[in-house]
Amino acid sequence: MEDRAKKLVDEVLAPLIKADGGVIELVGIVDKRLLVRLTGTCAGCPGRPYTLARIVEPAAKKWLGDDIRVEAVVD
């Protein structure tokens, strides 16, 4: 599952997020949670929850299964 998650983030999500000046990075998968880090313009963006809920999570469910959840890791 880790390989599919990396491909999803690197090849599908990263170009979408980059188009708006943001960066998404796979942190890992723990207990059916896809952990990602959003930086660049996404770091302080008020639309960040929308990006996670409407873009990242639906794609993750499609690629990794309906039981996956997405969480943003904040450093």
N, C-alpha and C. Protein backbone atom coordinates (compact mmCIF):
# COMPACT_ATOMS: atom_id res chain seq x y z
N MET A 1 0.83 -1.20 0.00
CA MET A 1 0.00 0.00 0.00
C MET A 1 0.87 1.26 0.00
N GLU A 2 2.03 1.16 0.62
CA GLU A 2 2.93 2.31 0.70
C GLU A 2 3.36 2.76 -0.71
N ASP A 3 3.63 1.79 -1.58
CA ASP A 3 4.04 2.13 -2.95
C ASP A 3 2.92 2.84 -3.71
N ARG A 4 1.69 2.36 -3.55
CA ARG A 4 0.54 3.00 -4.22
C ARG A 4 0.33 4.41 -3.66
N ALA A 5 0.50 4.57 -2.37
CA ALA A 5 0.34 5.89 -1.74
C ALA A 5 1.39 6.86 -2.27
N LYS A 6 2.62 6.39 -2.41
CA LYS A 6 3.69 7.25 -2.92
C LYS A 6 3.40 7.66 -4.36
N LYS A 7 2.95 6.72 -5.16
CA LYS A 7 2.61 7.03 -6.55
C LYS A 7 1.45 8.02 -6.62
N LEU A 8 0.44 7.83 -5.78
CA LEU A 8 -0.70 8.75 -5.73
C LEU A 8 -0.23 10.16 -5.41
N VAL A 9 0.56 10.30 -4.36
CA VAL A 9 1.01 11.62 -3.94
C VAL A 9 1.93 12.25 -4.99
N ASP A 10 2.92 11.49 -5.44
CA ASP A 10 3.94 12.05 -6.35
C ASP A 10 3.41 12.33 -7.76
N GLU A 11 2.58 11.43 -8.28
CA GLU A 11 2.19 11.54 -9.68
C GLU A 11 0.81 12.16 -9.91
N VAL A 12 -0.06 12.06 -8.93
CA VAL A 12 -1.43 12.57 -9.12
C VAL A 12 -1.65 13.87 -8.33
N LEU A 13 -1.40 13.83 -7.04
CA LEU A 13 -1.72 14.97 -6.18
C LEU A 13 -0.70 16.10 -6.27
N ALA A 14 0.58 15.77 -6.30
CA ALA A 14 1.62 16.82 -6.30
C ALA A 14 1.46 17.80 -7.46
N PRO A 15 1.20 17.33 -8.69
CA PRO A 15 1.01 18.31 -9.78
C PRO A 15 -0.20 19.23 -9.57
N LEU A 16 -1.27 18.70 -9.00
CA LEU A 16 -2.47 19.52 -8.73
C LEU A 16 -2.17 20.59 -7.69
N ILE A 17 -1.52 20.17 -6.62
CA ILE A 17 -1.21 21.09 -5.53
C ILE A 17 -0.16 22.11 -5.98
N LYS A 18 0.81 21.66 -6.77
CA LYS A 18 1.87 22.54 -7.25
C LYS A 18 1.32 23.65 -8.16
N ALA A 19 0.24 23.36 -8.87
CA ALA A 19 -0.36 24.36 -9.76
C ALA A 19 -0.80 25.60 -9.00
N ASP A 20 -1.07 25.46 -7.70
CA ASP A 20 -1.45 26.60 -6.86
C ASP A 20 -0.31 27.05 -5.96
N GLY A 21 0.89 26.55 -6.21
CA GLY A 21 2.05 26.98 -5.43
C GLY A 21 2.31 26.18 -4.17
N GLY A 22 1.58 25.10 -3.99
CA GLY A 22 1.75 24.28 -2.79
C GLY A 22 2.59 23.05 -3.05
N VAL A 23 2.93 22.39 -1.96
CA VAL A 23 3.71 21.16 -2.02
C VAL A 23 3.04 20.15 -1.10
N ILE A 24 2.90 18.91 -1.59
CA ILE A 24 2.38 17.83 -0.76
C ILE A 24 3.43 16.74 -0.71
N GLU A 25 3.64 16.19 0.47
CA GLU A 25 4.66 15.17 0.69
C GLU A 25 4.03 14.03 1.48
N LEU A 26 4.30 12.81 1.07
CA LEU A 26 3.85 11.64 1.81
C LEU A 26 4.72 11.47 3.04
N VAL A 27 4.10 11.43 4.21
CA VAL A 27 4.82 11.16 5.44
C VAL A 27 4.79 9.66 5.72
N GLY A 28 3.64 9.02 5.49
CA GLY A 28 3.52 7.58 5.68
C GLY A 28 2.08 7.15 5.82
N ILE A 29 1.91 5.87 6.04
CA ILE A 29 0.58 5.31 6.29
C ILE A 29 0.64 4.60 7.64
N VAL A 30 -0.27 5.00 8.53
CA VAL A 30 -0.32 4.42 9.86
C VAL A 30 -1.78 4.13 10.19
N ASP A 31 -2.08 2.87 10.48
CA ASP A 31 -3.44 2.48 10.89
C ASP A 31 -4.51 3.03 9.95
N LYS A 32 -4.35 2.79 8.66
CA LYS A 32 -5.32 3.22 7.64
C LYS A 32 -5.49 4.74 7.58
N ARG A 33 -4.43 5.45 7.99
CA ARG A 33 -4.39 6.91 7.87
C ARG A 33 -3.25 7.28 6.94
N LEU A 34 -3.57 8.03 5.90
CA LEU A 34 -2.56 8.56 4.99
C LEU A 34 -2.09 9.88 5.58
N LEU A 35 -0.84 9.92 5.97
CA LEU A 35 -0.28 11.12 6.58
C LEU A 35 0.48 11.90 5.53
N VAL A 36 0.12 13.16 5.36
CA VAL A 36 0.76 14.02 4.37
C VAL A 36 1.19 15.32 5.03
N ARG A 37 2.16 15.97 4.41
CA ARG A 37 2.61 17.29 4.85
C ARG A 37 2.34 18.26 3.71
N LEU A 38 1.67 19.35 4.00
CA LEU A 38 1.41 20.40 3.02
C LEU A 38 2.26 21.61 3.36
N THR A 39 3.05 22.05 2.38
CA THR A 39 3.91 23.22 2.58
C THR A 39 3.75 24.15 1.39
N GLY A 40 4.62 25.12 1.28
CA GLY A 40 4.47 26.12 0.23
C GLY A 40 3.28 27.01 0.56
N THR A 41 2.54 27.40 -0.45
CA THR A 41 1.38 28.27 -0.20
C THR A 41 0.29 27.55 0.59
N CYS A 42 0.32 26.23 0.62
CA CYS A 42 -0.68 25.47 1.39
C CYS A 42 -0.48 25.60 2.90
N ALA A 43 0.73 25.92 3.32
CA ALA A 43 1.05 25.95 4.75
C ALA A 43 0.14 26.89 5.53
N GLY A 44 -0.15 28.06 5.03
CA GLY A 44 -0.97 29.00 5.77
C GLY A 44 -2.30 29.29 5.09
N CYS A 45 -2.65 28.49 4.12
CA CYS A 45 -3.86 28.75 3.33
C CYS A 45 -5.14 28.40 4.08
N PRO A 46 -6.13 29.29 4.08
CA PRO A 46 -7.39 28.97 4.73
C PRO A 46 -8.17 27.88 3.98
N GLY A 47 -7.80 27.60 2.73
CA GLY A 47 -8.46 26.54 1.97
C GLY A 47 -7.87 25.16 2.19
N ARG A 48 -6.91 25.07 3.06
CA ARG A 48 -6.23 23.79 3.35
C ARG A 48 -7.19 22.67 3.73
N PRO A 49 -8.16 22.90 4.64
CA PRO A 49 -9.11 21.83 4.96
C PRO A 49 -9.91 21.38 3.73
N TYR A 50 -10.25 22.33 2.86
CA TYR A 50 -10.98 22.00 1.63
C TYR A 50 -10.10 21.12 0.74
N THR A 51 -8.84 21.46 0.59
CA THR A 51 -7.92 20.68 -0.23
C THR A 51 -7.84 19.25 0.28
N LEU A 52 -7.73 19.09 1.58
CA LEU A 52 -7.64 17.75 2.16
C LEU A 52 -8.95 16.97 1.98
N ALA A 53 -10.08 17.62 2.27
CA ALA A 53 -11.37 16.93 2.24
C ALA A 53 -11.91 16.70 0.84
N ARG A 54 -11.66 17.62 -0.08
CA ARG A 54 -12.30 17.53 -1.40
C ARG A 54 -11.37 17.06 -2.52
N ILE A 55 -10.07 17.08 -2.27
CA ILE A 55 -9.13 16.66 -3.31
C ILE A 55 -8.32 15.45 -2.85
N VAL A 56 -7.63 15.59 -1.74
CA VAL A 56 -6.71 14.54 -1.30
C VAL A 56 -7.46 13.29 -0.83
N GLU A 57 -8.44 13.45 0.04
CA GLU A 57 -9.12 12.28 0.60
C GLU A 57 -9.90 11.48 -0.45
N PRO A 58 -10.67 12.12 -1.35
CA PRO A 58 -11.35 11.31 -2.37
C PRO A 58 -10.38 10.53 -3.26
N ALA A 59 -9.26 11.15 -3.61
CA ALA A 59 -8.26 10.45 -4.42
C ALA A 59 -7.66 9.28 -3.63
N ALA A 60 -7.39 9.50 -2.36
CA ALA A 60 -6.84 8.44 -1.52
C ALA A 60 -7.82 7.27 -1.41
N LYS A 61 -9.09 7.56 -1.25
CA LYS A 61 -10.09 6.50 -1.17
C LYS A 61 -10.16 5.71 -2.48
N LYS A 62 -10.05 6.40 -3.58
CA LYS A 62 -10.10 5.73 -4.89
C LYS A 62 -8.87 4.84 -5.09
N TRP A 63 -7.71 5.32 -4.72
CA TRP A 63 -6.46 4.59 -4.94
C TRP A 63 -6.17 3.54 -3.87
N LEU A 64 -6.56 3.84 -2.61
CA LEU A 64 -6.12 3.01 -1.49
C LEU A 64 -7.24 2.30 -0.74
N GLY A 65 -8.50 2.63 -1.05
CA GLY A 65 -9.63 1.96 -0.39
C GLY A 65 -10.48 2.92 0.41
N ASP A 66 -11.75 2.58 0.51
CA ASP A 66 -12.72 3.45 1.18
C ASP A 66 -12.46 3.67 2.67
N ASP A 67 -11.70 2.79 3.28
CA ASP A 67 -11.47 2.92 4.73
C ASP A 67 -10.28 3.80 5.09
N ILE A 68 -9.61 4.37 4.09
CA ILE A 68 -8.45 5.23 4.35
C ILE A 68 -8.91 6.62 4.79
N ARG A 69 -8.18 7.22 5.70
CA ARG A 69 -8.44 8.59 6.14
C ARG A 69 -7.18 9.40 5.88
N VAL A 70 -7.34 10.69 5.67
CA VAL A 70 -6.20 11.56 5.40
C VAL A 70 -6.00 12.51 6.56
N GLU A 71 -4.77 12.65 6.98
CA GLU A 71 -4.43 13.61 8.03
C GLU A 71 -3.20 14.40 7.60
N ALA A 72 -3.23 15.68 7.88
CA ALA A 72 -2.08 16.54 7.60
C ALA A 72 -1.19 16.57 8.84
N VAL A 73 0.09 16.39 8.63
CA VAL A 73 1.08 16.47 9.70
C VAL A 73 1.60 17.91 9.70
N VAL A 74 1.57 18.52 10.86
CA VAL A 74 2.05 19.90 11.00
C VAL A 74 3.30 19.87 11.85
N ASP A 75 4.37 20.45 11.32
CA ASP A 75 5.64 20.48 12.07
C ASP A 75 5.72 21.70 12.94
